[in-house]
């Protein structure tokens, strides 16, 4: 079975200290304190919304591709 890939873009919000993620393809919007939790929430929402937004897609074929956006300066100073 060919995988169906939905892209989730995540961005760190330093003021709220959370990752915000979204996928316009499903649509999914989530917030979490870690990327692992964000991915878990995005997967759960995707599977919940799949029948209404992509009725012909088999849930076992769904894969999420996570794109993470974070300022390079914030990463290099944290080390």
N, C-alpha and C. Protein backbone atom coordinates (compact mmCIF):
# COMPACT_ATOMS: atom_id res chain seq x y z
N UNK A 1 0.84 -1.17 0.00
CA UNK A 1 0.00 0.00 0.00
C UNK A 1 0.90 1.25 0.00
N UNK A 2 0.57 2.16 -0.85
CA UNK A 2 1.34 3.40 -0.97
C UNK A 2 1.03 4.33 0.21
N UNK A 3 2.07 4.87 0.87
CA UNK A 3 1.82 5.76 2.00
C UNK A 3 1.21 7.09 1.55
N UNK A 4 0.35 7.62 2.39
CA UNK A 4 -0.23 8.95 2.20
C UNK A 4 0.45 9.84 3.24
N UNK A 5 1.20 10.83 2.77
CA UNK A 5 2.00 11.66 3.67
C UNK A 5 1.37 13.02 3.84
N UNK A 6 1.14 13.39 5.10
CA UNK A 6 0.66 14.73 5.45
C UNK A 6 1.81 15.45 6.15
N UNK A 7 2.03 16.68 5.77
CA UNK A 7 3.13 17.47 6.34
C UNK A 7 2.61 18.29 7.51
N UNK A 8 3.30 18.17 8.64
CA UNK A 8 3.01 18.97 9.84
C UNK A 8 4.21 19.88 10.06
N UNK A 9 3.95 21.18 10.10
CA UNK A 9 5.02 22.15 10.35
C UNK A 9 4.94 22.59 11.80
N UNK A 10 6.06 22.49 12.51
CA UNK A 10 6.13 22.86 13.92
C UNK A 10 7.09 24.02 14.10
N UNK A 11 6.70 24.93 14.99
CA UNK A 11 7.54 26.09 15.28
C UNK A 11 7.54 26.33 16.79
N UNK A 12 8.71 26.62 17.32
CA UNK A 12 8.87 26.90 18.75
C UNK A 12 8.39 28.31 19.05
N UNK A 13 7.57 28.45 20.09
CA UNK A 13 7.13 29.75 20.57
C UNK A 13 7.83 30.00 21.90
N UNK A 14 8.89 30.83 21.91
CA UNK A 14 9.66 31.01 23.14
C UNK A 14 8.88 31.70 24.25
N UNK A 15 7.95 32.57 23.90
CA UNK A 15 7.17 33.26 24.93
C UNK A 15 6.24 32.31 25.66
N UNK A 16 5.60 31.41 24.92
CA UNK A 16 4.68 30.45 25.54
C UNK A 16 5.39 29.16 25.95
N UNK A 17 6.62 28.98 25.49
CA UNK A 17 7.42 27.78 25.77
C UNK A 17 6.70 26.51 25.31
N UNK A 18 6.16 26.58 24.09
CA UNK A 18 5.50 25.42 23.49
C UNK A 18 5.82 25.33 22.01
N UNK A 19 5.68 24.13 21.48
CA UNK A 19 5.74 23.91 20.04
C UNK A 19 4.33 24.05 19.50
N UNK A 20 4.18 24.79 18.43
CA UNK A 20 2.89 24.91 17.73
C UNK A 20 3.03 24.19 16.41
N UNK A 21 2.07 23.35 16.10
CA UNK A 21 2.12 22.61 14.86
C UNK A 21 0.82 22.70 14.09
N UNK A 22 0.95 22.63 12.76
CA UNK A 22 -0.25 22.69 11.94
C UNK A 22 -0.05 21.95 10.64
N UNK A 23 -1.14 21.45 10.13
CA UNK A 23 -1.17 20.85 8.80
C UNK A 23 -2.47 21.31 8.15
N UNK A 24 -2.34 22.06 7.08
CA UNK A 24 -3.53 22.55 6.39
C UNK A 24 -4.18 21.45 5.56
N UNK A 25 -3.45 20.38 5.30
CA UNK A 25 -3.97 19.30 4.46
C UNK A 25 -5.08 18.50 5.15
N UNK A 26 -5.07 18.48 6.49
CA UNK A 26 -6.01 17.58 7.17
C UNK A 26 -7.29 18.29 7.61
N UNK A 27 -7.42 19.32 8.30
CA UNK A 27 -6.51 20.26 8.95
C UNK A 27 -6.28 19.91 10.42
N UNK A 28 -5.07 20.17 10.89
CA UNK A 28 -4.67 19.89 12.26
C UNK A 28 -3.98 21.12 12.83
N UNK A 29 -4.30 21.44 14.09
CA UNK A 29 -3.60 22.50 14.82
C UNK A 29 -3.38 21.97 16.24
N UNK A 30 -2.10 21.93 16.67
CA UNK A 30 -1.79 21.40 18.00
C UNK A 30 -0.71 22.25 18.67
N UNK A 31 -0.66 22.17 19.99
CA UNK A 31 0.41 22.77 20.79
C UNK A 31 0.87 21.75 21.82
N UNK A 32 2.18 21.72 22.06
CA UNK A 32 2.72 20.77 23.03
C UNK A 32 4.07 21.26 23.53
N UNK A 33 4.47 20.76 24.69
CA UNK A 33 5.74 21.18 25.28
C UNK A 33 6.94 20.44 24.67
N UNK A 34 6.69 19.34 23.97
CA UNK A 34 7.78 18.60 23.32
C UNK A 34 7.36 18.22 21.89
N UNK A 35 8.35 17.95 21.06
CA UNK A 35 8.05 17.52 19.70
C UNK A 35 7.40 16.15 19.67
N UNK A 36 7.80 15.26 20.58
CA UNK A 36 7.17 13.94 20.65
C UNK A 36 5.68 14.05 20.95
N UNK A 37 5.35 14.90 21.92
CA UNK A 37 3.94 15.09 22.28
C UNK A 37 3.19 15.77 21.15
N UNK A 38 3.81 16.72 20.48
CA UNK A 38 3.19 17.39 19.34
C UNK A 38 2.86 16.37 18.25
N UNK A 39 3.78 15.47 17.98
CA UNK A 39 3.57 14.45 16.96
C UNK A 39 2.46 13.49 17.36
N UNK A 40 2.40 13.12 18.64
CA UNK A 40 1.32 12.24 19.13
C UNK A 40 -0.04 12.91 18.95
N UNK A 41 -0.11 14.19 19.33
CA UNK A 41 -1.38 14.92 19.20
C UNK A 41 -1.77 15.09 17.73
N UNK A 42 -0.80 15.41 16.88
CA UNK A 42 -1.07 15.58 15.46
C UNK A 42 -1.57 14.27 14.83
N UNK A 43 -0.97 13.16 15.23
CA UNK A 43 -1.39 11.86 14.71
C UNK A 43 -2.83 11.55 15.14
N UNK A 44 -3.13 11.80 16.40
CA UNK A 44 -4.49 11.53 16.90
C UNK A 44 -5.52 12.40 16.18
N UNK A 45 -5.22 13.68 16.03
CA UNK A 45 -6.15 14.57 15.32
C UNK A 45 -6.30 14.18 13.86
N UNK A 46 -5.19 13.81 13.23
CA UNK A 46 -5.24 13.41 11.82
C UNK A 46 -6.16 12.22 11.64
N UNK A 47 -6.00 11.21 12.47
CA UNK A 47 -6.84 10.02 12.35
C UNK A 47 -8.30 10.32 12.66
N UNK A 48 -8.56 11.25 13.60
CA UNK A 48 -9.93 11.64 13.91
C UNK A 48 -10.58 12.39 12.75
N UNK A 49 -9.81 13.26 12.09
CA UNK A 49 -10.35 14.11 11.03
C UNK A 49 -10.31 13.47 9.65
N UNK A 50 -9.57 12.39 9.52
CA UNK A 50 -9.38 11.74 8.22
C UNK A 50 -10.68 11.39 7.50
N UNK A 51 -11.65 10.75 8.16
CA UNK A 51 -12.86 10.35 7.44
C UNK A 51 -13.63 11.53 6.83
N UNK A 52 -13.62 12.67 7.49
CA UNK A 52 -14.35 13.84 6.99
C UNK A 52 -13.59 14.60 5.92
N UNK A 53 -12.27 14.58 5.97
CA UNK A 53 -11.46 15.39 5.06
C UNK A 53 -10.83 14.60 3.93
N UNK A 54 -10.60 13.31 4.15
CA UNK A 54 -10.00 12.44 3.13
C UNK A 54 -10.66 11.06 3.24
N UNK A 55 -11.94 10.98 2.87
CA UNK A 55 -12.70 9.74 3.11
C UNK A 55 -12.16 8.50 2.39
N UNK A 56 -11.42 8.67 1.32
CA UNK A 56 -10.92 7.51 0.60
C UNK A 56 -9.58 7.00 1.08
N UNK A 57 -9.00 7.64 2.08
CA UNK A 57 -7.66 7.28 2.55
C UNK A 57 -7.75 6.26 3.68
N UNK A 58 -7.03 5.17 3.54
CA UNK A 58 -6.95 4.13 4.57
C UNK A 58 -6.08 4.65 5.72
N UNK A 59 -6.58 4.66 6.94
CA UNK A 59 -5.80 5.16 8.08
C UNK A 59 -4.46 4.45 8.26
N UNK A 60 -4.36 3.19 7.86
CA UNK A 60 -3.09 2.47 8.02
C UNK A 60 -2.03 2.95 7.02
N UNK A 61 -2.43 3.73 6.02
CA UNK A 61 -1.49 4.25 5.03
C UNK A 61 -0.98 5.64 5.40
N UNK A 62 -1.54 6.23 6.44
CA UNK A 62 -1.20 7.62 6.79
C UNK A 62 0.15 7.70 7.50
N UNK A 63 0.99 8.62 7.01
CA UNK A 63 2.27 8.94 7.63
C UNK A 63 2.33 10.46 7.81
N UNK A 64 2.97 10.90 8.87
CA UNK A 64 3.17 12.33 9.11
C UNK A 64 4.63 12.67 8.90
N UNK A 65 4.86 13.73 8.15
CA UNK A 65 6.21 14.26 7.96
C UNK A 65 6.28 15.54 8.77
N UNK A 66 7.20 15.59 9.71
CA UNK A 66 7.33 16.75 10.60
C UNK A 66 8.44 17.66 10.10
N UNK A 67 8.10 18.91 9.86
CA UNK A 67 9.07 19.93 9.49
C UNK A 67 9.17 20.86 10.69
N UNK A 68 10.38 21.02 11.22
CA UNK A 68 10.60 21.81 12.42
C UNK A 68 11.30 23.11 12.07
N UNK A 69 10.71 24.22 12.50
CA UNK A 69 11.29 25.54 12.28
C UNK A 69 11.71 26.12 13.63
N UNK A 70 12.97 26.52 13.70
CA UNK A 70 13.46 27.17 14.92
C UNK A 70 14.63 28.05 14.52
N UNK A 71 14.72 29.21 15.16
CA UNK A 71 15.81 30.13 14.83
C UNK A 71 17.16 29.49 15.13
N UNK A 72 18.07 29.58 14.19
CA UNK A 72 19.40 28.99 14.36
C UNK A 72 20.14 29.64 15.52
N UNK A 73 19.97 30.93 15.72
CA UNK A 73 20.65 31.62 16.80
C UNK A 73 20.20 31.08 18.16
N UNK A 74 18.91 30.77 18.30
CA UNK A 74 18.40 30.23 19.56
C UNK A 74 18.97 28.85 19.83
N UNK A 75 19.16 28.06 18.80
CA UNK A 75 19.71 26.71 18.96
C UNK A 75 21.18 26.77 19.34
N UNK A 76 21.96 27.61 18.66
CA UNK A 76 23.40 27.65 18.91
C UNK A 76 23.74 28.25 20.26
N UNK A 77 22.92 29.15 20.79
CA UNK A 77 23.22 29.74 22.10
C UNK A 77 22.77 28.83 23.24
N UNK A 78 21.90 27.88 22.95
CA UNK A 78 21.40 26.97 23.98
C UNK A 78 22.43 25.89 24.32
N UNK A 79 23.37 25.65 23.46
CA UNK A 79 24.33 24.56 23.69
C UNK A 79 25.39 24.92 24.70
